[in-house]
């Protein structure tokens, strides 16, 4: 019996629907790491102009870590892979209002550690100090009656609706802030759903309180398609904003292209690494206050025009007057995207700004073919380094993060591999590279 074309059409349509359903199921059940993207983004092919994802200062200066301490004093690093946990907490805290502040301790390491280990608390951490004025921008002005303190940790108790604590690792200062409007029941809801947690404890490392992972863990690897911005985009944004900067000389030497307007702006692009160094030598008003430095560096970050998806304030270096920003994935910082993170803004003297950033950014997540990686505890990792002959007194910081690596199969894909990063003799290195050295 012959099957007519008309009879084949419903069969073909049914077959196409089944394939579509199978592919959709595959996509939705393969959930790579959550790397936030602005819903307004449009993704285009590599090297073309696209709408930039610009995050507000409220998102850039969010805390980078959440630690929860239970009633018995057990501490856990917590995260939520379905929603942005820090944003959820921020939204609840934005409803609070402060009335007064009092310094309750300073210069005592033991008192400071006891405060960090207080039972029934939630701790929001930054890697460097912020100020009350920056906090007010992020959390909607509820500390507006408080003078402009510096701190890098925010702590509140799950059984105390009247106080919030601001802590500063630099001088071990603890401030107690009287607040009203806390709805602890709502916060407990946020902190009770879909949490991923790992046991931790605070120990001193080079006289600085440091989060130690106390149980070996297994962390997933991730892969992403990458977006490459055309360097001409940066030339247009950074070197064409001065009426005298019409003539730009271009010099090429091996992998480096240098753009110079002969006056105030100079930019070097390394095509091999994707790293960019830009200098602005035009005169400007000196920036004296720390708050203004943080705010101005954010404005400079926007000026560069790199995508700011999941980018956070990471570090301020007083010696070099520089502010560093990094991308984060699943709550952990990404290293090696560029020499200093996603971007570094440096103020040299009163009249020079220098930017360091990358022309590459993460774009579309793709399933990783690599197996999850076993991560040793912090102490085990340090013991391995010591046994290998590394002078642990030269280690000033440790950080669990993701290493940005070029995929071996495709130039369009970046692999993110979890590992320990060690700040050794002033620079960040993986602990594997130190062991092998």
Protein backbone atom coordinates (compact mmCIF):
# COMPACT_ATOMS: atom_id res chain seq x y z
CA UNK A 1 0.00 0.00 0.00
CA UNK A 2 1.38 3.46 -0.97
CA UNK A 3 1.61 6.19 1.66
CA UNK A 4 0.61 9.55 0.24
CA UNK A 5 2.41 12.83 0.91
CA UNK A 6 -0.66 14.10 2.73
CA UNK A 7 -0.49 11.13 5.10
CA UNK A 8 3.22 11.66 5.77
CA UNK A 9 2.79 15.26 6.92
CA UNK A 10 1.12 14.50 10.31
CA UNK A 11 3.74 11.81 11.00
CA UNK A 12 6.61 14.20 10.22
CA UNK A 13 5.02 16.91 12.35
CA UNK A 14 4.63 14.52 15.29
CA UNK A 15 8.25 13.44 14.91
CA UNK A 16 9.42 17.08 14.91
CA UNK A 17 7.39 17.84 18.05
CA UNK A 18 8.90 14.86 19.87
CA UNK A 19 12.46 15.94 18.94
CA UNK A 20 11.72 19.48 20.11
CA UNK A 21 10.44 18.22 23.47
CA UNK A 22 13.50 16.02 23.97
CA UNK A 23 15.90 18.88 23.18
CA UNK A 24 14.01 21.23 25.49
CA UNK A 25 14.19 18.69 28.30
CA UNK A 26 17.95 18.32 27.75
CA UNK A 27 18.52 22.07 27.89
CA UNK A 28 16.42 22.63 31.01
CA UNK A 29 17.88 19.70 32.94
CA UNK A 30 21.51 20.60 32.16
CA UNK A 31 21.88 23.61 34.46
CA UNK A 32 25.35 25.12 34.27
CA UNK A 33 26.57 27.62 36.82
CA UNK A 34 24.41 30.63 37.44
CA UNK A 35 26.29 33.58 36.00
CA UNK A 36 23.89 36.52 36.09
CA UNK A 37 22.95 38.27 32.89
CA UNK A 38 20.88 41.35 32.32
CA UNK A 39 17.60 40.52 30.56
CA UNK A 40 18.23 43.41 28.15
CA UNK A 41 21.40 41.82 26.75
CA UNK A 42 21.47 40.79 23.13
CA UNK A 43 24.09 38.21 22.24
CA UNK A 44 25.80 38.55 18.91
CA UNK A 45 28.69 36.84 17.20
CA UNK A 46 32.26 37.25 18.44
CA UNK A 47 33.77 40.64 17.71
CA UNK A 48 30.55 42.56 17.09
CA UNK A 49 29.01 45.36 19.12
CA UNK A 50 26.31 44.31 21.55
CA UNK A 51 24.14 45.94 24.18
CA UNK A 52 26.22 46.08 27.34
CA UNK A 53 25.04 44.68 30.63
CA UNK A 54 25.57 47.55 33.04
CA UNK A 55 24.94 46.74 36.68
CA UNK A 56 23.99 49.35 39.24
CA UNK A 57 26.31 50.23 42.10
CA UNK A 58 23.87 48.32 44.33
CA UNK A 59 24.83 45.09 42.56
CA UNK A 60 28.54 45.77 42.15
CA UNK A 61 29.04 46.48 45.86
CA UNK A 62 27.07 43.55 47.21
CA UNK A 63 28.80 41.37 49.84
CA UNK A 64 30.61 38.39 48.29
CA UNK A 65 30.07 35.73 50.96
CA UNK A 66 27.46 34.56 53.48
CA UNK A 67 28.33 32.56 56.61
CA UNK A 68 25.70 31.19 58.94
CA UNK A 69 26.41 30.14 62.55
CA UNK A 70 23.90 27.86 64.30
CA UNK A 71 22.95 27.69 67.97
CA UNK A 72 25.86 25.37 68.77
CA UNK A 73 28.41 27.62 67.12
CA UNK A 74 28.85 25.50 64.00
CA UNK A 75 29.62 27.70 61.01
CA UNK A 76 28.79 27.08 57.35
CA UNK A 77 29.49 28.92 54.12
CA UNK A 78 26.07 29.06 52.44
CA UNK A 79 24.88 29.67 48.89
CA UNK A 80 21.71 29.19 46.87
CA UNK A 81 22.03 27.95 43.29
CA UNK A 82 18.44 28.85 42.38
CA UNK A 83 18.39 32.50 43.47
CA UNK A 84 20.96 35.12 44.40
CA UNK A 85 21.09 34.66 48.17
CA UNK A 86 22.93 37.93 48.88
CA UNK A 87 20.38 39.91 46.87
CA UNK A 88 17.52 38.26 48.76
CA UNK A 89 19.12 39.17 52.09
CA UNK A 90 19.87 42.70 50.85
CA UNK A 91 16.24 43.23 49.88
CA UNK A 92 15.08 42.29 53.38
CA UNK A 93 17.75 44.39 55.09
CA UNK A 94 16.80 47.42 52.99
CA UNK A 95 13.65 47.71 55.10
CA UNK A 96 15.63 48.30 58.30
CA UNK A 97 16.39 51.73 59.78
CA UNK A 98 19.30 52.63 62.05
CA UNK A 99 19.03 55.04 64.98
CA UNK A 100 22.48 55.05 66.62
CA UNK A 101 25.86 53.32 66.69
CA UNK A 102 28.35 52.46 69.43
CA UNK A 103 31.86 51.04 69.25
CA UNK A 104 31.96 48.06 71.62
CA UNK A 105 35.46 46.69 70.98
CA UNK A 106 38.72 47.45 69.16
CA UNK A 107 42.28 46.11 68.83
CA UNK A 108 41.44 42.82 70.54
CA UNK A 109 41.90 39.75 68.31
CA UNK A 110 40.30 37.42 70.84
CA UNK A 111 37.18 39.59 71.24
CA UNK A 112 36.96 40.00 67.49
CA UNK A 113 37.16 36.24 66.84
CA UNK A 114 34.52 35.62 69.51
CA UNK A 115 32.23 38.07 67.75
CA UNK A 116 32.78 36.33 64.40
CA UNK A 117 31.91 33.00 66.03
CA UNK A 118 28.76 34.22 67.83
CA UNK A 119 25.98 31.62 67.76
CA UNK A 120 22.72 32.21 65.85
CA UNK A 121 24.18 34.80 63.50
CA UNK A 122 24.44 35.55 59.79
CA UNK A 123 27.63 37.19 58.52
CA UNK A 124 27.93 39.04 55.20
CA UNK A 125 31.55 39.43 54.10
CA UNK A 126 33.54 41.73 51.84
CA UNK A 127 37.18 41.15 50.94
CA UNK A 128 38.01 44.83 51.50
CA UNK A 129 36.45 47.65 53.47
CA UNK A 130 33.46 49.60 52.26
CA UNK A 131 32.02 52.69 53.95
CA UNK A 132 28.65 53.54 55.45
CA UNK A 133 27.92 55.79 52.46
CA UNK A 134 28.57 52.94 50.02
CA UNK A 135 26.50 50.64 52.22
CA UNK A 136 23.64 53.15 52.07
CA UNK A 137 23.73 53.09 48.27
CA UNK A 138 23.54 49.29 48.29
CA UNK A 139 21.00 48.89 51.09
CA UNK A 140 18.81 51.95 50.48
CA UNK A 141 20.02 54.40 53.13
CA UNK A 142 19.05 52.67 56.34
CA UNK A 143 22.35 53.73 58.01
CA UNK A 144 21.90 57.38 57.08
CA UNK A 145 22.13 58.55 60.70
CA UNK A 146 25.52 56.85 61.16
CA UNK A 147 28.84 58.60 60.50
CA UNK A 148 30.96 57.28 57.63
CA UNK A 149 32.66 54.24 59.24
CA UNK A 150 34.71 51.69 57.32
CA UNK A 151 34.01 47.96 57.71
CA UNK A 152 34.18 44.69 55.76
CA UNK A 153 31.67 42.48 57.60
CA UNK A 154 28.00 42.89 58.49
CA UNK A 155 26.53 40.64 61.18
CA UNK A 156 23.05 40.20 62.55
CA UNK A 157 21.55 37.73 64.99
CA UNK A 158 18.60 35.52 64.11
CA UNK A 159 17.17 36.06 67.62
CA UNK A 160 17.82 39.80 67.99
CA UNK A 161 15.73 42.22 65.96
CA UNK A 162 17.22 45.36 67.51
CA UNK A 163 20.90 45.27 66.51
CA UNK A 164 23.26 44.92 63.56
CA UNK A 165 27.04 44.71 63.92
CA UNK A 166 29.66 46.27 61.63
CA UNK A 167 33.13 44.70 61.84
CA UNK A 168 36.50 45.87 60.55
CA UNK A 169 39.31 43.29 60.20
CA UNK A 170 41.99 45.99 59.90
CA UNK A 171 41.79 47.21 63.49
CA UNK A 172 39.42 44.59 64.95
CA UNK A 173 36.77 47.23 65.60
CA UNK A 174 33.21 46.11 66.35
CA UNK A 175 30.31 48.56 66.08
CA UNK A 176 26.83 47.82 67.37
CA UNK A 177 24.06 49.59 65.48
CA UNK A 178 20.59 50.00 66.94
CA UNK A 179 17.98 49.30 64.27
CA UNK A 180 14.24 48.97 63.88
CA UNK A 181 12.09 47.37 61.22
CA UNK A 182 13.81 43.96 61.20
CA UNK A 183 11.51 41.14 60.17
CA UNK A 184 13.54 38.14 61.21
CA UNK A 185 10.80 35.72 60.15
CA UNK A 186 11.22 36.81 56.53
CA UNK A 187 15.00 36.50 56.73
CA UNK A 188 14.70 33.02 58.17
CA UNK A 189 12.59 32.05 55.16
CA UNK A 190 15.29 33.31 52.81
CA UNK A 191 17.92 31.32 54.74
CA UNK A 192 15.95 28.08 54.92
CA UNK A 193 15.38 27.19 51.26
CA UNK A 194 17.65 25.41 48.75
CA UNK A 195 20.88 26.21 50.59
CA UNK A 196 24.19 24.62 49.67
CA UNK A 197 26.51 24.70 52.68
CA UNK A 198 30.08 23.78 53.59
CA UNK A 199 31.55 23.65 57.13
CA UNK A 200 33.97 26.49 57.90
CA UNK A 201 35.62 28.21 60.83
CA UNK A 202 37.56 31.43 61.39
CA UNK A 203 41.29 31.25 62.02
CA UNK A 204 44.02 33.87 61.96
CA UNK A 205 46.31 34.00 58.92
CA UNK A 206 48.97 36.72 58.97
CA UNK A 207 47.00 38.45 61.73
CA UNK A 208 43.88 38.54 59.58
CA UNK A 209 40.67 36.55 60.30
CA UNK A 210 40.36 34.01 57.47
CA UNK A 211 37.60 31.58 56.54
CA UNK A 212 38.99 28.03 56.66
CA UNK A 213 37.12 25.24 54.85
CA UNK A 214 37.14 22.39 57.39
CA UNK A 215 35.79 19.51 55.29
CA UNK A 216 37.09 18.32 51.92
CA UNK A 217 34.57 19.11 49.20
CA UNK A 218 33.81 18.35 45.58
CA UNK A 219 33.18 21.30 43.28
CA UNK A 220 31.79 21.21 39.72
CA UNK A 221 33.66 22.54 36.69
CA UNK A 222 31.90 24.88 34.28
CA UNK A 223 32.29 25.93 30.66
CA UNK A 224 31.14 29.04 28.83
CA UNK A 225 31.12 30.41 25.34
CA UNK A 226 33.07 33.66 25.38
CA UNK A 227 32.33 37.06 23.94
CA UNK A 228 35.19 39.06 22.44
CA UNK A 229 34.73 42.79 22.07
CA UNK A 230 36.35 44.54 19.15
CA UNK A 231 39.19 46.73 20.43
CA UNK A 232 37.86 49.58 18.28
CA UNK A 233 34.93 49.75 20.68
CA UNK A 234 37.33 50.65 23.48
CA UNK A 235 39.18 53.12 21.26
CA UNK A 236 35.89 54.90 20.58
CA UNK A 237 34.82 54.92 24.22
CA UNK A 238 38.10 55.76 25.92
CA UNK A 239 40.13 57.77 23.42
CA UNK A 240 37.54 59.83 21.58
CA UNK A 241 36.11 61.71 24.55
CA UNK A 242 38.37 64.74 24.26
CA UNK A 243 38.02 67.45 21.62
CA UNK A 244 41.80 67.42 21.15
CA UNK A 245 41.97 63.63 20.70
CA UNK A 246 41.13 63.47 17.01
CA UNK A 247 44.43 62.09 15.71
CA UNK A 248 45.29 58.70 17.13
CA UNK A 249 48.52 56.97 16.16
CA UNK A 250 48.54 53.18 15.94
CA UNK A 251 51.67 51.09 16.40
CA UNK A 252 51.85 47.31 16.16
CA UNK A 253 54.64 45.18 17.58
CA UNK A 254 54.23 41.40 17.68
CA UNK A 255 51.03 40.76 19.67
CA UNK A 256 50.67 44.28 21.08
CA UNK A 257 48.85 47.18 19.42
CA UNK A 258 49.36 50.64 20.93
CA UNK A 259 46.94 53.53 20.45
CA UNK A 260 48.16 57.02 21.40
CA UNK A 261 46.54 60.42 20.86
CA UNK A 262 49.81 62.22 21.60
CA UNK A 263 48.31 64.05 24.55
CA UNK A 264 46.36 62.47 27.36
CA UNK A 265 45.32 58.95 26.38
CA UNK A 266 47.24 55.78 25.64
CA UNK A 267 45.99 52.21 25.26
CA UNK A 268 47.82 48.90 24.74
CA UNK A 269 45.97 45.77 23.60
CA UNK A 270 47.66 42.38 23.82
CA UNK A 271 45.91 40.29 21.17
CA UNK A 272 47.39 37.05 22.51
CA UNK A 273 46.15 37.41 26.08
CA UNK A 274 43.25 39.79 25.52
CA UNK A 275 44.58 42.09 28.27
CA UNK A 276 44.20 45.85 27.87
CA UNK A 277 46.08 48.63 29.66
CA UNK A 278 44.69 52.14 29.30
CA UNK A 279 46.14 55.37 30.71
CA UNK A 280 44.31 58.66 31.10
CA UNK A 281 46.79 61.48 31.82
CA UNK A 282 44.39 64.40 31.67
CA UNK A 283 44.18 66.70 34.66
CA UNK A 284 41.45 66.08 37.18
CA UNK A 285 40.37 67.03 40.67
CA UNK A 286 42.24 65.04 43.34
CA UNK A 287 40.14 62.30 44.93
CA UNK A 288 40.87 62.32 48.63
CA UNK A 289 38.13 60.34 50.38
CA UNK A 290 37.88 56.56 50.27
CA UNK A 291 34.16 56.69 49.48
CA UNK A 292 34.79 58.88 46.44
CA UNK A 293 37.54 56.54 45.24
CA UNK A 294 35.14 53.59 45.35
CA UNK A 295 32.37 55.56 43.66
CA UNK A 296 34.66 56.99 40.96
CA UNK A 297 36.15 53.57 40.22
CA UNK A 298 32.62 52.26 39.63
CA UNK A 299 31.95 55.14 37.22
CA UNK A 300 35.23 54.32 35.45
CA UNK A 301 34.18 50.66 35.24
CA UNK A 302 31.00 51.74 33.45
CA UNK A 303 33.03 54.01 31.18
CA UNK A 304 35.18 51.11 29.97
CA UNK A 305 32.08 49.39 28.63
CA UNK A 306 32.86 45.78 29.54
CA UNK A 307 29.92 43.52 30.47
CA UNK A 308 29.40 43.61 34.23
CA UNK A 309 27.46 40.36 34.62
CA UNK A 310 27.97 39.07 38.15
CA UNK A 311 30.90 41.45 38.70
CA UNK A 312 31.58 42.48 42.28
CA UNK A 313 33.90 44.86 44.10
CA UNK A 314 36.75 42.63 45.22
CA UNK A 315 39.67 44.52 46.67
CA UNK A 316 41.14 47.93 47.42
CA UNK A 317 44.94 48.20 47.57
CA UNK A 318 45.98 51.23 49.57
CA UNK A 319 49.63 50.99 48.48
CA UNK A 320 48.76 51.27 44.77
CA UNK A 321 45.51 53.28 45.17
CA UNK A 322 43.71 50.71 43.03
CA UNK A 323 40.26 49.12 43.11
CA UNK A 324 39.85 45.60 41.70
CA UNK A 325 36.65 43.97 40.49
CA UNK A 326 36.09 40.28 39.75
CA UNK A 327 33.45 38.10 38.18
CA UNK A 328 31.83 35.51 40.45
CA UNK A 329 30.29 32.13 39.68
CA UNK A 330 28.23 30.26 42.28
CA UNK A 331 29.55 32.63 44.92
CA UNK A 332 33.27 32.10 44.15
CA UNK A 333 35.61 34.59 42.42
CA UNK A 334 37.07 34.00 38.96
CA UNK A 335 40.83 34.41 38.55
CA UNK A 336 43.02 34.76 35.43
CA UNK A 337 40.39 36.47 33.28
CA UNK A 338 42.82 39.37 33.31
CA UNK A 339 45.86 40.11 35.43
CA UNK A 340 43.85 41.82 38.16
CA UNK A 341 40.39 40.28 37.72
CA UNK A 342 37.58 41.59 35.55
CA UNK A 343 39.05 45.08 35.82
CA UNK A 344 41.37 47.18 37.95
CA UNK A 345 41.05 50.95 38.29
CA UNK A 346 44.18 52.67 39.57
CA UNK A 347 44.68 56.30 40.55
CA UNK A 348 48.33 57.33 40.23
CA UNK A 349 48.94 60.61 42.02
CA UNK A 350 46.26 63.22 41.39
CA UNK A 351 46.20 63.29 37.60
CA UNK A 352 46.59 59.78 36.17
CA UNK A 353 44.14 56.93 35.92
CA UNK A 354 45.12 53.51 34.68
CA UNK A 355 42.67 50.78 33.71
CA UNK A 356 43.49 47.08 33.33
CA UNK A 357 40.81 44.82 31.86
CA UNK A 358 40.09 42.07 29.35
CA UNK A 359 38.38 42.13 25.95
CA UNK A 360 36.89 38.71 26.79
CA UNK A 361 33.83 38.00 28.90
CA UNK A 362 31.69 34.97 29.67
CA UNK A 363 28.59 34.65 27.55
CA UNK A 364 26.57 31.45 27.08
CA UNK A 365 26.95 28.49 29.50
CA UNK A 366 27.55 25.10 27.88
CA UNK A 367 27.67 21.65 29.52
CA UNK A 368 31.16 20.80 30.79
CA UNK A 369 32.71 17.47 29.83
CA UNK A 370 35.04 17.53 32.82
CA UNK A 371 34.33 15.72 36.08
CA UNK A 372 33.88 17.57 39.36
CA UNK A 373 37.11 18.28 41.22
CA UNK A 374 38.03 17.28 44.78
CA UNK A 375 39.13 20.25 46.89
CA UNK A 376 41.20 19.72 50.06
CA UNK A 377 40.51 21.57 53.29
CA UNK A 378 42.31 24.86 53.84
CA UNK A 379 44.61 23.40 56.47
CA UNK A 380 45.40 20.31 54.37
CA UNK A 381 46.28 22.55 51.43
CA UNK A 382 48.58 24.70 53.59
CA UNK A 383 50.22 21.57 55.04
CA UNK A 384 50.93 20.30 51.50
CA UNK A 385 52.58 23.61 50.60
CA UNK A 386 54.69 23.56 53.74
CA UNK A 387 55.79 19.98 53.08
CA UNK A 388 56.80 21.02 49.54
CA UNK A 389 59.13 23.68 50.94
CA UNK A 390 56.92 26.74 50.52
CA UNK A 391 57.46 29.33 53.26
CA UNK A 392 53.93 29.66 54.60
CA UNK A 393 54.94 32.88 56.38
CA UNK A 394 54.98 34.45 52.90
CA UNK A 395 51.28 33.58 52.41
CA UNK A 396 49.09 36.59 53.16
CA UNK A 397 45.70 35.26 51.98
CA UNK A 398 43.96 32.16 50.64
CA UNK A 399 40.86 32.09 48.46
CA UNK A 400 38.77 29.28 47.00
CA UNK A 401 37.88 30.29 43.45
CA UNK A 402 37.65 29.36 39.78
CA UNK A 403 40.54 29.43 37.32
CA UNK A 404 39.79 30.83 33.85
CA UNK A 405 41.36 28.52 31.23
CA UNK A 406 41.16 28.28 27.47
CA UNK A 407 39.30 25.14 26.37
CA UNK A 408 41.63 22.67 24.62
CA UNK A 409 39.12 21.83 21.88
CA UNK A 410 37.46 25.14 21.05
CA UNK A 411 38.87 28.69 21.05
CA UNK A 412 35.32 29.92 21.60
CA UNK A 413 34.98 28.19 24.98
CA UNK A 414 36.45 28.98 28.41
CA UNK A 415 36.65 26.37 31.16
CA UNK A 416 36.29 27.33 34.82
CA UNK A 417 38.16 24.97 37.14
CA UNK A 418 37.83 25.19 40.94
CA UNK A 419 41.06 25.47 42.93
CA UNK A 420 42.73 27.15 45.86
CA UNK A 421 44.37 30.50 45.16
CA UNK A 422 47.26 31.60 47.35
CA UNK A 423 48.48 35.18 47.71
CA UNK A 424 52.17 34.37 47.92
CA UNK A 425 54.86 37.05 47.99
CA UNK A 426 52.34 39.62 46.82
CA UNK A 427 50.68 37.81 43.87
CA UNK A 428 47.86 35.30 43.45
CA UNK A 429 48.90 31.78 42.38
CA UNK A 430 47.14 28.42 42.34
CA UNK A 431 48.31 26.03 45.00
CA UNK A 432 49.06 23.44 42.29
CA UNK A 433 51.47 25.84 40.60
CA UNK A 434 53.20 26.47 43.93
CA UNK A 435 53.49 22.74 44.58
CA UNK A 436 54.97 22.18 41.14
CA UNK A 437 57.44 25.04 41.55
